[in-house]
PDB file of all heavy atoms in Angstrom:
ATOM      1  N   ASP A   1      11.441  20.850  14.709  1.00  0.00           N
ATOM      2  CA  ASP A   1      11.182  19.713  15.606  1.00  0.00           C
ATOM      3  C   ASP A   1      11.651  18.411  14.983  1.00  0.00           C
ATOM      4  O   ASP A   1      10.880  17.759  14.339  1.00  0.00           O
ATOM      5  CB  ASP A   1       9.649  19.710  15.886  1.00  0.00           C
ATOM      6  CG  ASP A   1       9.376  18.843  17.048  1.00  0.00           C
ATOM      7  OD1 ASP A   1      10.202  17.948  17.401  1.00  0.00           O
ATOM      8  OD2 ASP A   1       8.296  19.006  17.699  1.00  0.00           O
ATOM      9  N   ARG A   2      12.912  18.152  15.216  1.00  0.00           N
ATOM     10  CA  ARG A   2      13.487  16.955  14.565  1.00  0.00           C
ATOM     11  C   ARG A   2      12.928  15.626  15.163  1.00  0.00           C
ATOM     12  O   ARG A   2      12.723  14.645  14.448  1.00  0.00           O
ATOM     13  CB  ARG A   2      15.024  16.993  14.816  1.00  0.00           C
ATOM     14  CG  ARG A   2      15.806  15.860  14.251  1.00  0.00           C
ATOM     15  CD  ARG A   2      16.019  16.009  12.746  1.00  0.00           C
ATOM     16  NE  ARG A   2      16.836  14.963  12.182  1.00  0.00           N
ATOM     17  CZ  ARG A   2      17.296  14.973  10.934  1.00  0.00           C
ATOM     18  NH1 ARG A   2      17.040  16.013  10.154  1.00  0.00           N
ATOM     19  NH2 ARG A   2      18.071  14.031  10.492  1.00  0.00           N
ATOM     20  N   GLU A   3      12.636  15.646  16.449  1.00  0.00           N
ATOM     21  CA  GLU A   3      12.134  14.387  17.044  1.00  0.00           C
ATOM     22  C   GLU A   3      10.754  14.064  16.494  1.00  0.00           C
ATOM     23  O   GLU A   3      10.378  12.954  16.286  1.00  0.00           O
ATOM     24  CB  GLU A   3      12.124  14.549  18.567  1.00  0.00           C
ATOM     25  CG  GLU A   3      13.524  14.435  19.207  1.00  0.00           C
ATOM     26  CD  GLU A   3      14.208  13.185  18.749  1.00  0.00           C
ATOM     27  OE1 GLU A   3      13.632  12.039  18.822  1.00  0.00           O
ATOM     28  OE2 GLU A   3      15.461  13.299  18.319  1.00  0.00           O
ATOM     29  N   GLU A   4       9.976  15.061  16.290  1.00  0.00           N
ATOM     30  CA  GLU A   4       8.613  14.922  15.792  1.00  0.00           C
ATOM     31  C   GLU A   4       8.735  14.295  14.350  1.00  0.00           C
ATOM     32  O   GLU A   4       8.006  13.429  13.959  1.00  0.00           O
ATOM     33  CB  GLU A   4       7.806  16.056  15.773  1.00  0.00           C
ATOM     34  CG  GLU A   4       6.393  15.871  15.151  1.00  0.00           C
ATOM     35  CD  GLU A   4       5.555  17.198  15.019  1.00  0.00           C
ATOM     36  OE1 GLU A   4       6.180  18.268  15.068  1.00  0.00           O
ATOM     37  OE2 GLU A   4       4.337  17.128  14.858  1.00  0.00           O
ATOM     38  N   ALA A   5       9.714  14.748  13.572  1.00  0.00           N
ATOM     39  CA  ALA A   5       9.941  14.382  12.219  1.00  0.00           C
ATOM     40  C   ALA A   5      10.315  12.890  12.199  1.00  0.00           C
ATOM     41  O   ALA A   5       9.766  12.168  11.368  1.00  0.00           O
ATOM     42  CB  ALA A   5      11.013  15.205  11.528  1.00  0.00           C
ATOM     43  N   ARG A   6      11.169  12.442  13.088  1.00  0.00           N
ATOM     44  CA  ARG A   6      11.549  11.097  13.213  1.00  0.00           C
ATOM     45  C   ARG A   6      10.383  10.181  13.567  1.00  0.00           C
ATOM     46  O   ARG A   6      10.208   9.099  12.972  1.00  0.00           O
ATOM     47  CB  ARG A   6      12.701  10.910  14.170  1.00  0.00           C
ATOM     48  CG  ARG A   6      13.956  11.645  13.834  1.00  0.00           C
ATOM     49  CD  ARG A   6      15.077  11.350  14.877  1.00  0.00           C
ATOM     50  NE  ARG A   6      15.545   9.951  14.769  1.00  0.00           N
ATOM     51  CZ  ARG A   6      15.322   9.041  15.556  1.00  0.00           C
ATOM     52  NH1 ARG A   6      14.561   9.308  16.681  1.00  0.00           N
ATOM     53  NH2 ARG A   6      15.748   7.788  15.447  1.00  0.00           N
ATOM     54  N   ARG A   7       9.562  10.603  14.537  1.00  0.00           N
ATOM     55  CA  ARG A   7       8.429   9.824  14.897  1.00  0.00           C
ATOM     56  C   ARG A   7       7.468   9.676  13.775  1.00  0.00           C
ATOM     57  O   ARG A   7       6.878   8.617  13.528  1.00  0.00           O
ATOM     58  CB  ARG A   7       7.776  10.437  16.141  1.00  0.00           C
ATOM     59  CG  ARG A   7       6.683   9.530  16.734  1.00  0.00           C
ATOM     60  CD  ARG A   7       5.750  10.280  17.689  1.00  0.00           C
ATOM     61  NE  ARG A   7       4.805  11.083  16.961  1.00  0.00           N
ATOM     62  CZ  ARG A   7       4.778  12.467  17.045  1.00  0.00           C
ATOM     63  NH1 ARG A   7       5.603  13.141  17.761  1.00  0.00           N
ATOM     64  NH2 ARG A   7       3.891  13.088  16.388  1.00  0.00           N
ATOM     65  N   LEU A   8       7.162  10.760  13.098  1.00  0.00           N
ATOM     66  CA  LEU A   8       6.212  10.734  11.932  1.00  0.00           C
ATOM     67  C   LEU A   8       6.751   9.872  10.821  1.00  0.00           C
ATOM     68  O   LEU A   8       5.958   9.156  10.164  1.00  0.00           O
ATOM     69  CB  LEU A   8       5.937  12.157  11.482  1.00  0.00           C
ATOM     70  CG  LEU A   8       5.146  13.069  12.414  1.00  0.00           C
ATOM     71  CD1 LEU A   8       5.209  14.562  11.810  1.00  0.00           C
ATOM     72  CD2 LEU A   8       3.748  12.611  12.494  1.00  0.00           C
ATOM     73  N   ALA A   9       8.071   9.990  10.527  1.00  0.00           N
ATOM     74  CA  ALA A   9       8.660   9.126   9.529  1.00  0.00           C
ATOM     75  C   ALA A   9       8.457   7.672   9.829  1.00  0.00           C
ATOM     76  O   ALA A   9       8.093   6.791   8.962  1.00  0.00           O
ATOM     77  CB  ALA A   9      10.151   9.480   9.385  1.00  0.00           C
ATOM     78  N   GLY A  10       8.714   7.200  11.073  1.00  0.00           N
ATOM     79  CA  GLY A  10       8.598   5.794  11.363  1.00  0.00           C
ATOM     80  C   GLY A  10       7.049   5.359  11.282  1.00  0.00           C
ATOM     81  O   GLY A  10       6.841   4.259  10.797  1.00  0.00           O
ATOM     82  N   SER A  11       6.280   6.175  11.820  1.00  0.00           N
ATOM     83  CA  SER A  11       4.812   5.807  11.722  1.00  0.00           C
ATOM     84  C   SER A  11       4.310   5.706  10.226  1.00  0.00           C
ATOM     85  O   SER A  11       3.578   4.795   9.852  1.00  0.00           O
ATOM     86  CB  SER A  11       3.954   6.756  12.467  1.00  0.00           C
ATOM     87  OG  SER A  11       4.341   6.842  13.868  1.00  0.00           O
ATOM     88  N   SER A  12       4.744   6.591   9.418  1.00  0.00           N
ATOM     89  CA  SER A  12       4.348   6.712   8.005  1.00  0.00           C
ATOM     90  C   SER A  12       4.888   5.455   7.231  1.00  0.00           C
ATOM     91  O   SER A  12       4.189   4.833   6.409  1.00  0.00           O
ATOM     92  CB  SER A  12       4.882   7.925   7.338  1.00  0.00           C
ATOM     93  OG  SER A  12       4.394   9.139   7.976  1.00  0.00           O
ATOM     94  N   LEU A  13       6.077   4.983   7.584  1.00  0.00           N
ATOM     95  CA  LEU A  13       6.578   3.834   6.940  1.00  0.00           C
ATOM     96  C   LEU A  13       5.705   2.507   7.274  1.00  0.00           C
ATOM     97  O   LEU A  13       5.503   1.656   6.413  1.00  0.00           O
ATOM     98  CB  LEU A  13       8.042   3.561   7.315  1.00  0.00           C
ATOM     99  CG  LEU A  13       9.082   4.413   6.565  1.00  0.00           C
ATOM    100  CD1 LEU A  13      10.364   4.294   7.204  1.00  0.00           C
ATOM    101  CD2 LEU A  13       9.083   4.094   5.063  1.00  0.00           C
ATOM    102  N   VAL A  14       5.266   2.410   8.515  1.00  0.00           N
ATOM    103  CA  VAL A  14       4.388   1.358   8.897  1.00  0.00           C
ATOM    104  C   VAL A  14       3.103   1.381   8.170  1.00  0.00           C
ATOM    105  O   VAL A  14       2.604   0.348   7.676  1.00  0.00           O
ATOM    106  CB  VAL A  14       4.173   1.376  10.489  1.00  0.00           C
ATOM    107  CG1 VAL A  14       3.076   0.411  10.829  1.00  0.00           C
ATOM    108  CG2 VAL A  14       5.500   1.156  11.237  1.00  0.00           C
ATOM    109  N   VAL A  15       2.432   2.519   8.070  1.00  0.00           N
ATOM    110  CA  VAL A  15       1.205   2.697   7.305  1.00  0.00           C
ATOM    111  C   VAL A  15       1.485   2.262   5.839  1.00  0.00           C
ATOM    112  O   VAL A  15       0.633   1.554   5.280  1.00  0.00           O
ATOM    113  CB  VAL A  15       0.676   4.109   7.483  1.00  0.00           C
ATOM    114  CG1 VAL A  15      -0.556   4.284   6.603  1.00  0.00           C
ATOM    115  CG2 VAL A  15       0.354   4.384   8.897  1.00  0.00           C
ATOM    116  N   MET A  16       2.476   2.782   5.286  1.00  0.00           N
ATOM    117  CA  MET A  16       2.819   2.479   3.817  1.00  0.00           C
ATOM    118  C   MET A  16       2.973   0.919   3.625  1.00  0.00           C
ATOM    119  O   MET A  16       2.431   0.340   2.714  1.00  0.00           O
ATOM    120  CB  MET A  16       4.088   3.188   3.485  1.00  0.00           C
ATOM    121  CG  MET A  16       4.602   2.775   2.044  1.00  0.00           C
ATOM    122  SD  MET A  16       3.398   3.315   0.653  1.00  0.00           S
ATOM    123  CE  MET A  16       4.100   4.990   0.407  1.00  0.00           C
ATOM    124  N   LEU A  17       3.661   0.312   4.492  1.00  0.00           N
ATOM    125  CA  LEU A  17       3.979  -1.147   4.409  1.00  0.00           C
ATOM    126  C   LEU A  17       2.619  -1.933   4.450  1.00  0.00           C
ATOM    127  O   LEU A  17       2.335  -2.795   3.648  1.00  0.00           O
ATOM    128  CB  LEU A  17       4.890  -1.550   5.537  1.00  0.00           C
ATOM    129  CG  LEU A  17       5.238  -3.105   5.476  1.00  0.00           C
ATOM    130  CD1 LEU A  17       6.009  -3.440   4.265  1.00  0.00           C
ATOM    131  CD2 LEU A  17       6.103  -3.413   6.752  1.00  0.00           C
ATOM    132  N   LEU A  18       1.788  -1.611   5.461  1.00  0.00           N
ATOM    133  CA  LEU A  18       0.509  -2.358   5.571  1.00  0.00           C
ATOM    134  C   LEU A  18      -0.444  -2.133   4.402  1.00  0.00           C
ATOM    135  O   LEU A  18      -1.012  -3.025   3.935  1.00  0.00           O
ATOM    136  CB  LEU A  18      -0.179  -1.930   6.912  1.00  0.00           C
ATOM    137  CG  LEU A  18       0.559  -2.334   8.138  1.00  0.00           C
ATOM    138  CD1 LEU A  18      -0.117  -1.779   9.460  1.00  0.00           C
ATOM    139  CD2 LEU A  18       0.780  -3.875   8.298  1.00  0.00           C
ATOM    140  N   ALA A  19      -0.550  -0.854   4.006  1.00  0.00           N
ATOM    141  CA  ALA A  19      -1.447  -0.528   2.923  1.00  0.00           C
ATOM    142  C   ALA A  19      -0.990  -1.167   1.568  1.00  0.00           C
ATOM    143  O   ALA A  19      -1.794  -1.720   0.900  1.00  0.00           O
ATOM    144  CB  ALA A  19      -1.611   1.027   2.790  1.00  0.00           C
ATOM    145  N   SER A  20       0.338  -0.994   1.231  1.00  0.00           N
ATOM    146  CA  SER A  20       0.761  -1.524   0.069  1.00  0.00           C
ATOM    147  C   SER A  20       0.753  -3.035   0.002  1.00  0.00           C
ATOM    148  O   SER A  20       0.465  -3.681  -1.063  1.00  0.00           O
ATOM    149  CB  SER A  20       2.187  -0.984  -0.292  1.00  0.00           C
ATOM    150  OG  SER A  20       3.095  -1.324   0.758  1.00  0.00           O
ATOM    151  N   LEU A  21       1.072  -3.638   1.103  1.00  0.00           N
ATOM    152  CA  LEU A  21       0.990  -5.100   1.209  1.00  0.00           C
ATOM    153  C   LEU A  21      -0.429  -5.709   0.913  1.00  0.00           C
ATOM    154  O   LEU A  21      -0.618  -6.631   0.105  1.00  0.00           O
ATOM    155  CB  LEU A  21       1.517  -5.628   2.577  1.00  0.00           C
ATOM    156  CG  LEU A  21       1.532  -7.147   2.761  1.00  0.00           C
ATOM    157  CD1 LEU A  21       2.539  -7.804   1.791  1.00  0.00           C
ATOM    158  CD2 LEU A  21       1.889  -7.469   4.159  1.00  0.00           C
ATOM    159  N   THR A  22      -1.368  -5.006   1.491  1.00  0.00           N
ATOM    160  CA  THR A  22      -2.770  -5.375   1.331  1.00  0.00           C
ATOM    161  C   THR A  22      -3.201  -5.307  -0.140  1.00  0.00           C
ATOM    162  O   THR A  22      -3.765  -6.198  -0.776  1.00  0.00           O
ATOM    163  CB  THR A  22      -3.725  -4.592   2.265  1.00  0.00           C
ATOM    164  OG1 THR A  22      -3.268  -4.834   3.622  1.00  0.00           O
ATOM    165  CG2 THR A  22      -5.167  -5.059   2.110  1.00  0.00           C
ATOM    166  N   VAL A  23      -2.994  -4.136  -0.691  1.00  0.00           N
ATOM    167  CA  VAL A  23      -3.449  -3.910  -2.076  1.00  0.00           C
ATOM    168  C   VAL A  23      -2.680  -4.755  -3.054  1.00  0.00           C
ATOM    169  O   VAL A  23      -3.276  -5.330  -4.056  1.00  0.00           O
ATOM    170  CB  VAL A  23      -3.225  -2.350  -2.457  1.00  0.00           C
ATOM    171  CG1 VAL A  23      -3.593  -2.079  -3.887  1.00  0.00           C
ATOM    172  CG2 VAL A  23      -4.188  -1.541  -1.576  1.00  0.00           C
ATOM    173  N   GLY A  24      -1.368  -4.850  -2.906  1.00  0.00           N
ATOM    174  CA  GLY A  24      -0.587  -5.651  -3.837  1.00  0.00           C
ATOM    175  C   GLY A  24      -0.960  -7.092  -3.939  1.00  0.00           C
ATOM    176  O   GLY A  24      -1.078  -7.723  -5.018  1.00  0.00           O
ATOM    177  N   ILE A  25      -1.252  -7.684  -2.740  1.00  0.00           N
ATOM    178  CA  ILE A  25      -1.633  -9.086  -2.691  1.00  0.00           C
ATOM    179  C   ILE A  25      -3.071  -9.349  -3.222  1.00  0.00           C
ATOM    180  O   ILE A  25      -3.357 -10.193  -3.946  1.00  0.00           O
ATOM    181  CB  ILE A  25      -1.521  -9.707  -1.305  1.00  0.00           C
ATOM    182  CG1 ILE A  25      -0.007  -9.720  -1.026  1.00  0.00           C
ATOM    183  CG2 ILE A  25      -2.120 -11.078  -1.241  1.00  0.00           C
ATOM    184  CD1 ILE A  25       0.315 -10.269   0.376  1.00  0.00           C
ATOM    185  N   LEU A  26      -4.028  -8.420  -2.770  1.00  0.00           N
ATOM    186  CA  LEU A  26      -5.402  -8.595  -3.146  1.00  0.00           C
ATOM    187  C   LEU A  26      -5.675  -8.334  -4.604  1.00  0.00           C
ATOM    188  O   LEU A  26      -6.762  -8.705  -5.132  1.00  0.00           O
ATOM    189  CB  LEU A  26      -6.328  -7.654  -2.285  1.00  0.00           C
ATOM    190  CG  LEU A  26      -6.364  -7.974  -0.843  1.00  0.00           C
ATOM    191  CD1 LEU A  26      -7.345  -7.022  -0.100  1.00  0.00           C
ATOM    192  CD2 LEU A  26      -6.976  -9.387  -0.654  1.00  0.00           C
ATOM    193  N   THR A  27      -4.747  -7.698  -5.369  1.00  0.00           N
ATOM    194  CA  THR A  27      -4.961  -7.407  -6.774  1.00  0.00           C
ATOM    195  C   THR A  27      -4.858  -8.732  -7.583  1.00  0.00           C
ATOM    196  O   THR A  27      -5.610  -8.822  -8.526  1.00  0.00           O
ATOM    197  CB  THR A  27      -3.867  -6.455  -7.288  1.00  0.00           C
ATOM    198  OG1 THR A  27      -3.968  -5.145  -6.540  1.00  0.00           O
ATOM    199  CG2 THR A  27      -4.044  -6.123  -8.698  1.00  0.00           C
ATOM    200  N   VAL A  28      -3.977  -9.642  -7.194  1.00  0.00           N
ATOM    201  CA  VAL A  28      -3.793 -10.831  -7.955  1.00  0.00           C
ATOM    202  C   VAL A  28      -5.012 -11.597  -8.262  1.00  0.00           C
ATOM    203  O   VAL A  28      -5.239 -12.006  -9.499  1.00  0.00           O
ATOM    204  CB  VAL A  28      -2.627 -11.669  -7.283  1.00  0.00           C
ATOM    205  CG1 VAL A  28      -2.466 -12.953  -8.094  1.00  0.00           C
ATOM    206  CG2 VAL A  28      -1.375 -10.922  -7.191  1.00  0.00           C
ATOM    207  N   PRO A  29      -5.864 -11.991  -7.283  1.00  0.00           N
ATOM    208  CA  PRO A  29      -7.034 -12.815  -7.603  1.00  0.00           C
ATOM    209  C   PRO A  29      -8.075 -12.213  -8.629  1.00  0.00           C
ATOM    210  O   PRO A  29      -8.850 -12.865  -9.176  1.00  0.00           O
ATOM    211  CB  PRO A  29      -7.737 -13.028  -6.223  1.00  0.00           C
ATOM    212  CG  PRO A  29      -6.622 -12.739  -5.211  1.00  0.00           C
ATOM    213  CD  PRO A  29      -5.815 -11.652  -5.839  1.00  0.00           C
ATOM    214  N   PHE A  30      -7.931 -10.814  -8.736  1.00  0.00           N
ATOM    215  CA  PHE A  30      -8.920 -10.146  -9.583  1.00  0.00           C
ATOM    216  C   PHE A  30      -8.360  -9.691 -10.894  1.00  0.00           C
ATOM    217  O   PHE A  30      -8.977  -8.915 -11.642  1.00  0.00           O
ATOM    218  CB  PHE A  30      -9.427  -8.915  -8.828  1.00  0.00           C
ATOM    219  CG  PHE A  30     -10.217  -9.285  -7.554  1.00  0.00           C
ATOM    220  CD1 PHE A  30      -9.528  -9.181  -6.335  1.00  0.00           C
ATOM    221  CD2 PHE A  30     -11.508  -9.810  -7.478  1.00  0.00           C
ATOM    222  CE1 PHE A  30     -10.164  -9.484  -5.153  1.00  0.00           C
ATOM    223  CE2 PHE A  30     -12.160 -10.087  -6.373  1.00  0.00           C
ATOM    224  CZ  PHE A  30     -11.507  -9.985  -5.174  1.00  0.00           C
ATOM    225  N   LEU A  31      -7.094 -10.226 -11.312  1.00  0.00           N
ATOM    226  CA  LEU A  31      -6.535  -9.725 -12.514  1.00  0.00           C
ATOM    227  C   LEU A  31      -7.357 -10.141 -13.753  1.00  0.00           C
ATOM    228  O   LEU A  31      -7.505  -9.317 -14.657  1.00  0.00           O
ATOM    229  CB  LEU A  31      -5.139 -10.377 -12.627  1.00  0.00           C
ATOM    230  CG  LEU A  31      -4.113  -9.817 -11.728  1.00  0.00           C
ATOM    231  CD1 LEU A  31      -2.765 -10.547 -11.828  1.00  0.00           C
ATOM    232  CD2 LEU A  31      -3.881  -8.301 -11.984  1.00  0.00           C
ATOM    233  N   ASP A  32      -7.950 -11.312 -13.775  1.00  0.00           N
ATOM    234  CA  ASP A  32      -8.633 -11.682 -14.965  1.00  0.00           C
ATOM    235  C   ASP A  32      -9.809 -10.837 -15.315  1.00  0.00           C
ATOM    236  O   ASP A  32      -9.971 -10.251 -16.443  1.00  0.00           O
ATOM    237  CB  ASP A  32      -9.108 -13.163 -14.828  1.00  0.00           C
ATOM    238  CG  ASP A  32      -9.775 -13.696 -16.110  1.00  0.00           C
ATOM    239  OD1 ASP A  32      -9.108 -14.077 -17.022  1.00  0.00           O
ATOM    240  OD2 ASP A  32     -11.037 -13.694 -16.108  1.00  0.00           O
ATOM    241  N   PRO A  33     -10.755 -10.595 -14.339  1.00  0.00           N
ATOM    242  CA  PRO A  33     -11.849  -9.659 -14.605  1.00  0.00           C
ATOM    243  C   PRO A  33     -11.426  -8.202 -14.893  1.00  0.00           C
ATOM    244  O   PRO A  33     -12.038  -7.468 -15.686  1.00  0.00           O
ATOM    245  CB  PRO A  33     -12.734  -9.786 -13.410  1.00  0.00           C
ATOM    246  CG  PRO A  33     -11.930 -10.270 -12.360  1.00  0.00           C
ATOM    247  CD  PRO A  33     -10.933 -11.109 -12.948  1.00  0.00           C
ATOM    248  N   ILE A  34     -10.330  -7.796 -14.179  1.00  0.00           N
ATOM    249  CA  ILE A  34      -9.900  -6.337 -14.437  1.00  0.00           C
ATOM    250  C   ILE A  34      -9.378  -6.168 -15.814  1.00  0.00           C
ATOM    251  O   ILE A  34      -9.678  -5.199 -16.530  1.00  0.00           O
ATOM    252  CB  ILE A  34      -8.857  -6.001 -13.389  1.00  0.00           C
ATOM    253  CG1 ILE A  34      -9.466  -5.908 -11.994  1.00  0.00           C
ATOM    254  CG2 ILE A  34      -8.157  -4.658 -13.722  1.00  0.00           C
ATOM    255  CD1 ILE A  34      -8.412  -5.699 -10.867  1.00  0.00           C
ATOM    256  N   LEU A  35      -8.497  -7.137 -16.237  1.00  0.00           N
ATOM    257  CA  LEU A  35      -7.932  -7.068 -17.537  1.00  0.00           C
ATOM    258  C   LEU A  35      -8.978  -7.176 -18.673  1.00  0.00           C
ATOM    259  O   LEU A  35      -9.027  -6.480 -19.705  1.00  0.00           O
ATOM    260  CB  LEU A  35      -6.898  -8.132 -17.813  1.00  0.00           C
ATOM    261  CG  LEU A  35      -5.576  -7.874 -17.017  1.00  0.00           C
ATOM    262  CD1 LEU A  35      -4.728  -9.167 -17.015  1.00  0.00           C
ATOM    263  CD2 LEU A  35      -4.797  -6.745 -17.682  1.00  0.00           C
ATOM    264  N   SER A  36      -9.998  -8.007 -18.450  1.00  0.00           N
ATOM    265  CA  SER A  36     -11.115  -8.160 -19.346  1.00  0.00           C
ATOM    266  C   SER A  36     -11.868  -6.881 -19.425  1.00  0.00           C
ATOM    267  O   SER A  36     -12.306  -6.435 -20.558  1.00  0.00           O
ATOM    268  CB  SER A  36     -12.024  -9.317 -18.934  1.00  0.00           C
ATOM    269  OG  SER A  36     -11.378 -10.581 -19.006  1.00  0.00           O
ATOM    270  N   ALA A  37     -12.120  -6.150 -18.285  1.00  0.00           N
ATOM    271  CA  ALA A  37     -12.806  -4.945 -18.341  1.00  0.00           C
ATOM    272  C   ALA A  37     -12.134  -3.818 -19.088  1.00  0.00           C
ATOM    273  O   ALA A  37     -12.719  -2.950 -19.743  1.00  0.00           O
ATOM    274  CB  ALA A  37     -13.042  -4.462 -16.880  1.00  0.00           C
ATOM    275  N   LEU A  38     -10.766  -3.847 -19.047  1.00  0.00           N
ATOM    276  CA  LEU A  38      -9.999  -2.988 -19.797  1.00  0.00           C
ATOM    277  C   LEU A  38      -9.853  -3.241 -21.307  1.00  0.00           C
ATOM    278  O   LEU A  38      -9.458  -2.434 -22.096  1.00  0.00           O
ATOM    279  CB  LEU A  38      -8.547  -2.980 -19.278  1.00  0.00           C
ATOM    280  CG  LEU A  38      -8.257  -2.323 -17.892  1.00  0.00           C
ATOM    281  CD1 LEU A  38      -6.869  -2.504 -17.434  1.00  0.00           C
ATOM    282  CD2 LEU A  38      -8.685  -0.833 -17.880  1.00  0.00           C
ATOM    283  N   GLY A  39     -10.370  -4.415 -21.715  1.00  0.00           N
ATOM    284  CA  GLY A  39     -10.427  -4.785 -23.150  1.00  0.00           C
ATOM    285  C   GLY A  39      -9.405  -5.730 -23.585  1.00  0.00           C
ATOM    286  O   GLY A  39      -9.268  -6.017 -24.784  1.00  0.00           O
TER     287      GLY A  39
END
């Protein structure tokens, strides 16, 4: 089912973009406490 594969690929890229953008940006404000916790 090639058409299903294409649809799933497009949807997956959207989910990846949104999730990684959120986590990547939200990590920055918490770098100081995270690094301190690691030692």
